[in-house]
């Protein structure tokens, strides 16, 4: 049977594994979505700026 120290080691291992999983999920799903939205917004701002300059002339 497991001793108490082994049980704590197993709990620590599972905790670290789950934290790693959620960090990996965050980095592979949310951050590219965030970067893509920022790039899209930047391109729309440039397009709007060019449109305003054309109307001004």
PDB file of N, CA and C in Angstrom:
ATOM      1  N   UNK A   1       0.838  -1.191   0.000  1.00  0.00           N
ATOM      2  CA  UNK A   1       0.000   0.000   0.000  1.00  0.00           C
ATOM      3  C   UNK A   1       0.878   1.248   0.000  1.00  0.00           C
ATOM      4  N   UNK A   2       0.316   2.359  -0.441  1.00  0.00           N
ATOM      5  CA  UNK A   2       1.068   3.604  -0.506  1.00  0.00           C
ATOM      6  C   UNK A   2       1.256   4.203   0.881  1.00  0.00           C
ATOM      7  N   UNK A   3       2.420   4.829   1.055  1.00  0.00           N
ATOM      8  CA  UNK A   3       2.647   5.600   2.274  1.00  0.00           C
ATOM      9  C   UNK A   3       2.213   7.037   2.018  1.00  0.00           C
ATOM     10  N   UNK A   4       2.111   7.803   3.069  1.00  0.00           N
ATOM     11  CA  UNK A   4       1.608   9.175   2.962  1.00  0.00           C
ATOM     12  C   UNK A   4       2.497  10.028   2.057  1.00  0.00           C
ATOM     13  N   UNK A   5       3.837   9.845   2.129  1.00  0.00           N
ATOM     14  CA  UNK A   5       4.750  10.625   1.284  1.00  0.00           C
ATOM     15  C   UNK A   5       4.520  10.330  -0.200  1.00  0.00           C
ATOM     16  N   UNK A   6       4.283   9.077  -0.520  1.00  0.00           N
ATOM     17  CA  UNK A   6       4.016   8.719  -1.911  1.00  0.00           C
ATOM     18  C   UNK A   6       2.694   9.328  -2.378  1.00  0.00           C
ATOM     19  N   UNK A   7       1.727   9.351  -1.500  1.00  0.00           N
ATOM     20  CA  UNK A   7       0.430   9.944  -1.837  1.00  0.00           C
ATOM     21  C   UNK A   7       0.586  11.438  -2.139  1.00  0.00           C
ATOM     22  N   UNK A   8       1.366  12.158  -1.312  1.00  0.00           N
ATOM     23  CA  UNK A   8       1.605  13.581  -1.563  1.00  0.00           C
ATOM     24  C   UNK A   8       2.366  13.791  -2.862  1.00  0.00           C
ATOM     25  N   UNK A   9       3.319  12.918  -3.154  1.00  0.00           N
ATOM     26  CA  UNK A   9       4.055  13.013  -4.409  1.00  0.00           C
ATOM     27  C   UNK A   9       3.139  12.824  -5.610  1.00  0.00           C
ATOM     28  N   UNK A  10       2.215  11.864  -5.500  1.00  0.00           N
ATOM     29  CA  UNK A  10       1.264  11.618  -6.585  1.00  0.00           C
ATOM     30  C   UNK A  10       0.351  12.826  -6.784  1.00  0.00           C
ATOM     31  N   UNK A  11      -0.141  13.397  -5.696  1.00  0.00           N
ATOM     32  CA  UNK A  11      -0.998  14.591  -5.789  1.00  0.00           C
ATOM     33  C   UNK A  11      -0.227  15.757  -6.411  1.00  0.00           C
ATOM     34  N   UNK A  12       1.032  15.949  -6.020  1.00  0.00           N
ATOM     35  CA  UNK A  12       1.848  17.021  -6.597  1.00  0.00           C
ATOM     36  C   UNK A  12       2.046  16.789  -8.095  1.00  0.00           C
ATOM     37  N   UNK A  13       2.311  15.545  -8.484  1.00  0.00           N
ATOM     38  CA  UNK A  13       2.504  15.216  -9.897  1.00  0.00           C
ATOM     39  C   UNK A  13       1.245  15.501 -10.706  1.00  0.00           C
ATOM     40  N   UNK A  14       0.102  15.074 -10.219  1.00  0.00           N
ATOM     41  CA  UNK A  14      -1.165  15.306 -10.916  1.00  0.00           C
ATOM     42  C   UNK A  14      -1.451  16.807 -11.022  1.00  0.00           C
ATOM     43  N   UNK A  15      -1.182  17.558  -9.951  1.00  0.00           N
ATOM     44  CA  UNK A  15      -1.415  19.005  -9.961  1.00  0.00           C
ATOM     45  C   UNK A  15      -0.541  19.685 -11.007  1.00  0.00           C
ATOM     46  N   UNK A  16       0.735  19.347 -11.056  1.00  0.00           N
ATOM     47  CA  UNK A  16       1.653  19.938 -12.029  1.00  0.00           C
ATOM     48  C   UNK A  16       1.239  19.550 -13.445  1.00  0.00           C
ATOM     49  N   UNK A  17       0.827  18.299 -13.631  1.00  0.00           N
ATOM     50  CA  UNK A  17       0.383  17.833 -14.941  1.00  0.00           C
ATOM     51  C   UNK A  17      -0.843  18.612 -15.412  1.00  0.00           C
ATOM     52  N   UNK A  18      -1.816  18.825 -14.530  1.00  0.00           N
ATOM     53  CA  UNK A  18      -3.028  19.553 -14.902  1.00  0.00           C
ATOM     54  C   UNK A  18      -2.744  21.027 -15.171  1.00  0.00           C
ATOM     55  N   UNK A  19      -1.866  21.632 -14.380  1.00  0.00           N
ATOM     56  CA  UNK A  19      -1.497  23.027 -14.630  1.00  0.00           C
ATOM     57  C   UNK A  19      -0.828  23.144 -15.993  1.00  0.00           C
ATOM     58  N   UNK A  20       0.067  22.210 -16.299  1.00  0.00           N
ATOM     59  CA  UNK A  20       0.725  22.216 -17.606  1.00  0.00           C
ATOM     60  C   UNK A  20      -0.265  22.056 -18.744  1.00  0.00           C
ATOM     61  N   UNK A  21      -1.243  21.193 -18.556  1.00  0.00           N
ATOM     62  CA  UNK A  21      -2.252  20.989 -19.589  1.00  0.00           C
ATOM     63  C   UNK A  21      -3.032  22.266 -19.854  1.00  0.00           C
ATOM     64  N   UNK A  22      -3.489  22.935 -18.813  1.00  0.00           N
ATOM     65  CA  UNK A  22      -4.290  24.145 -19.011  1.00  0.00           C
ATOM     66  C   UNK A  22      -3.466  25.292 -19.570  1.00  0.00           C
ATOM     67  N   UNK A  23      -2.185  25.384 -19.190  1.00  0.00           N
ATOM     68  CA  UNK A  23      -1.319  26.419 -19.770  1.00  0.00           C
ATOM     69  C   UNK A  23      -1.110  26.137 -21.252  1.00  0.00           C
ATOM     70  N   UNK A  24      -0.892  24.861 -21.614  1.00  0.00           N
ATOM     71  CA  UNK A  24      -0.725  24.507 -23.019  1.00  0.00           C
ATOM     72  C   UNK A  24      -2.001  24.832 -23.805  1.00  0.00           C
ATOM     73  N   UNK A  25      -3.149  24.518 -23.246  1.00  0.00           N
ATOM     74  CA  UNK A  25      -4.417  24.823 -23.909  1.00  0.00           C
ATOM     75  C   UNK A  25      -4.563  26.326 -24.111  1.00  0.00           C
ATOM     76  N   UNK A  26      -4.221  27.107 -23.113  1.00  0.00           N
ATOM     77  CA  UNK A  26      -4.298  28.556 -23.212  1.00  0.00           C
ATOM     78  C   UNK A  26      -3.384  29.075 -24.313  1.00  0.00           C
ATOM     79  N   UNK A  27      -2.136  28.585 -24.333  1.00  0.00           N
ATOM     80  CA  UNK A  27      -1.165  29.086 -25.300  1.00  0.00           C
ATOM     81  C   UNK A  27      -1.505  28.689 -26.727  1.00  0.00           C
ATOM     82  N   UNK A  28      -2.120  27.532 -26.919  1.00  0.00           N
ATOM     83  CA  UNK A  28      -2.397  27.077 -28.277  1.00  0.00           C
ATOM     84  C   UNK A  28      -3.757  27.530 -28.794  1.00  0.00           C
ATOM     85  N   UNK A  29      -4.642  27.993 -27.937  1.00  0.00           N
ATOM     86  CA  UNK A  29      -5.985  28.352 -28.381  1.00  0.00           C
ATOM     87  C   UNK A  29      -6.262  29.842 -28.236  1.00  0.00           C
ATOM     88  N   UNK A  30      -6.019  30.393 -27.104  1.00  0.00           N
ATOM     89  CA  UNK A  30      -6.448  31.763 -26.819  1.00  0.00           C
ATOM     90  C   UNK A  30      -5.477  32.797 -27.373  1.00  0.00           C
ATOM     91  N   UNK A  31      -4.186  32.569 -27.230  1.00  0.00           N
ATOM     92  CA  UNK A  31      -3.212  33.567 -27.670  1.00  0.00           C
ATOM     93  C   UNK A  31      -3.229  33.762 -29.189  1.00  0.00           C
ATOM     94  N   UNK A  32      -3.269  32.706 -30.028  1.00  0.00           N
ATOM     95  CA  UNK A  32      -3.379  32.974 -31.476  1.00  0.00           C
ATOM     96  C   UNK A  32      -4.658  33.728 -31.835  1.00  0.00           C
ATOM     97  N   UNK A  33      -5.761  33.436 -31.160  1.00  0.00           N
ATOM     98  CA  UNK A  33      -7.016  34.150 -31.395  1.00  0.00           C
ATOM     99  C   UNK A  33      -6.848  35.635 -31.058  1.00  0.00           C
ATOM    100  N   UNK A  34      -6.169  35.916 -29.956  1.00  0.00           N
ATOM    101  CA  UNK A  34      -5.929  37.280 -29.511  1.00  0.00           C
ATOM    102  C   UNK A  34      -5.044  38.022 -30.518  1.00  0.00           C
ATOM    103  N   UNK A  35      -3.966  37.379 -30.960  1.00  0.00           N
ATOM    104  CA  UNK A  35      -3.058  37.997 -31.921  1.00  0.00           C
ATOM    105  C   UNK A  35      -3.768  38.229 -33.253  1.00  0.00           C
ATOM    106  N   UNK A  36      -4.558  37.254 -33.696  1.00  0.00           N
ATOM    107  CA  UNK A  36      -5.302  37.406 -34.947  1.00  0.00           C
ATOM    108  C   UNK A  36      -6.263  38.576 -34.893  1.00  0.00           C
ATOM    109  N   UNK A  37      -6.959  38.744 -33.777  1.00  0.00           N
ATOM    110  CA  UNK A  37      -7.872  39.872 -33.625  1.00  0.00           C
ATOM    111  C   UNK A  37      -7.148  41.204 -33.632  1.00  0.00           C
ATOM    112  N   UNK A  38      -5.964  41.246 -33.009  1.00  0.00           N
ATOM    113  CA  UNK A  38      -5.192  42.488 -32.992  1.00  0.00           C
ATOM    114  C   UNK A  38      -4.710  42.849 -34.388  1.00  0.00           C
ATOM    115  N   UNK A  39      -4.276  41.853 -35.158  1.00  0.00           N
ATOM    116  CA  UNK A  39      -3.823  42.108 -36.526  1.00  0.00           C
ATOM    117  C   UNK A  39      -4.991  42.573 -37.394  1.00  0.00           C
ATOM    118  N   UNK A  40      -6.141  41.923 -37.252  1.00  0.00           N
ATOM    119  CA  UNK A  40      -7.322  42.318 -38.025  1.00  0.00           C
ATOM    120  C   UNK A  40      -7.715  43.760 -37.714  1.00  0.00           C
ATOM    121  N   UNK A  41      -7.698  44.111 -36.441  1.00  0.00           N
ATOM    122  CA  UNK A  41      -8.050  45.476 -36.044  1.00  0.00           C
ATOM    123  C   UNK A  41      -7.045  46.485 -36.599  1.00  0.00           C
ATOM    124  N   UNK A  42      -5.760  46.142 -36.590  1.00  0.00           N
ATOM    125  CA  UNK A  42      -4.733  47.034 -37.114  1.00  0.00           C
ATOM    126  C   UNK A  42      -4.927  47.260 -38.611  1.00  0.00           C
ATOM    127  N   UNK A  43      -5.243  46.182 -39.350  1.00  0.00           N
ATOM    128  CA  UNK A  43      -5.468  46.327 -40.790  1.00  0.00           C
ATOM    129  C   UNK A  43      -6.702  47.174 -41.076  1.00  0.00           C
ATOM    130  N   UNK A  44      -7.756  47.008 -40.291  1.00  0.00           N
ATOM    131  CA  UNK A  44      -8.959  47.823 -40.473  1.00  0.00           C
ATOM    132  C   UNK A  44      -8.680  49.295 -40.200  1.00  0.00           C
ATOM    133  N   UNK A  45      -7.847  49.579 -39.198  1.00  0.00           N
ATOM    134  CA  UNK A  45      -7.501  50.974 -38.906  1.00  0.00           C
ATOM    135  C   UNK A  45      -6.703  51.591 -40.048  1.00  0.00           C
ATOM    136  N   UNK A  46      -5.773  50.827 -40.612  1.00  0.00           N
ATOM    137  CA  UNK A  46      -5.002  51.351 -41.745  1.00  0.00           C
ATOM    138  C   UNK A  46      -5.906  51.597 -42.945  1.00  0.00           C
ATOM    139  N   UNK A  47      -6.837  50.679 -43.194  1.00  0.00           N
ATOM    140  CA  UNK A  47      -7.772  50.833 -44.300  1.00  0.00           C
ATOM    141  C   UNK A  47      -8.632  52.079 -44.110  1.00  0.00           C
ATOM    142  N   UNK A  48      -9.113  52.296 -42.890  1.00  0.00           N
ATOM    143  CA  UNK A  48      -9.928  53.473 -42.586  1.00  0.00           C
ATOM    144  C   UNK A  48      -9.115  54.765 -42.743  1.00  0.00           C
ATOM    145  N   UNK A  49      -7.857  54.726 -42.326  1.00  0.00           N
ATOM    146  CA  UNK A  49      -6.990  55.898 -42.456  1.00  0.00           C
ATOM    147  C   UNK A  49      -6.774  56.245 -43.929  1.00  0.00           C
ATOM    148  N   UNK A  50      -6.533  55.221 -44.778  1.00  0.00           N
ATOM    149  CA  UNK A  50      -6.367  55.468 -46.207  1.00  0.00           C
ATOM    150  C   UNK A  50      -7.647  56.013 -46.818  1.00  0.00           C
ATOM    151  N   UNK A  51      -8.802  55.502 -46.386  1.00  0.00           N
ATOM    152  CA  UNK A  51     -10.067  55.971 -46.912  1.00  0.00           C
ATOM    153  C   UNK A  51     -10.287  57.450 -46.556  1.00  0.00           C
ATOM    154  N   UNK A  52      -9.961  57.813 -45.334  1.00  0.00           N
ATOM    155  CA  UNK A  52     -10.125  59.212 -44.914  1.00  0.00           C
ATOM    156  C   UNK A  52      -9.173  60.118 -45.685  1.00  0.00           C
ATOM    157  N   UNK A  53      -7.953  59.653 -45.968  1.00  0.00           N
ATOM    158  CA  UNK A  53      -7.014  60.477 -46.724  1.00  0.00           C
ATOM    159  C   UNK A  53      -7.511  60.666 -48.151  1.00  0.00           C
ATOM    160  N   UNK A  54      -8.124  59.625 -48.742  1.00  0.00           N
ATOM    161  CA  UNK A  54      -8.651  59.744 -50.103  1.00  0.00           C
ATOM    162  C   UNK A  54      -9.838  60.718 -50.153  1.00  0.00           C
ATOM    163  N   UNK A  55     -10.673  60.702 -49.134  1.00  0.00           N
ATOM    164  CA  UNK A  55     -11.821  61.617 -49.106  1.00  0.00           C
ATOM    165  C   UNK A  55     -11.370  63.062 -48.889  1.00  0.00           C
ATOM    166  N   UNK A  56     -10.275  63.218 -48.185  1.00  0.00           N
ATOM    167  CA  UNK A  56      -9.758  64.538 -47.858  1.00  0.00           C
ATOM    168  C   UNK A  56      -9.197  65.239 -49.100  1.00  0.00           C
ATOM    169  N   UNK A  57      -8.627  64.495 -50.009  1.00  0.00           N
ATOM    170  CA  UNK A  57      -7.971  65.064 -51.193  1.00  0.00           C
ATOM    171  C   UNK A  57      -8.951  65.571 -52.209  1.00  0.00           C
TER     172      UNK A  57
END
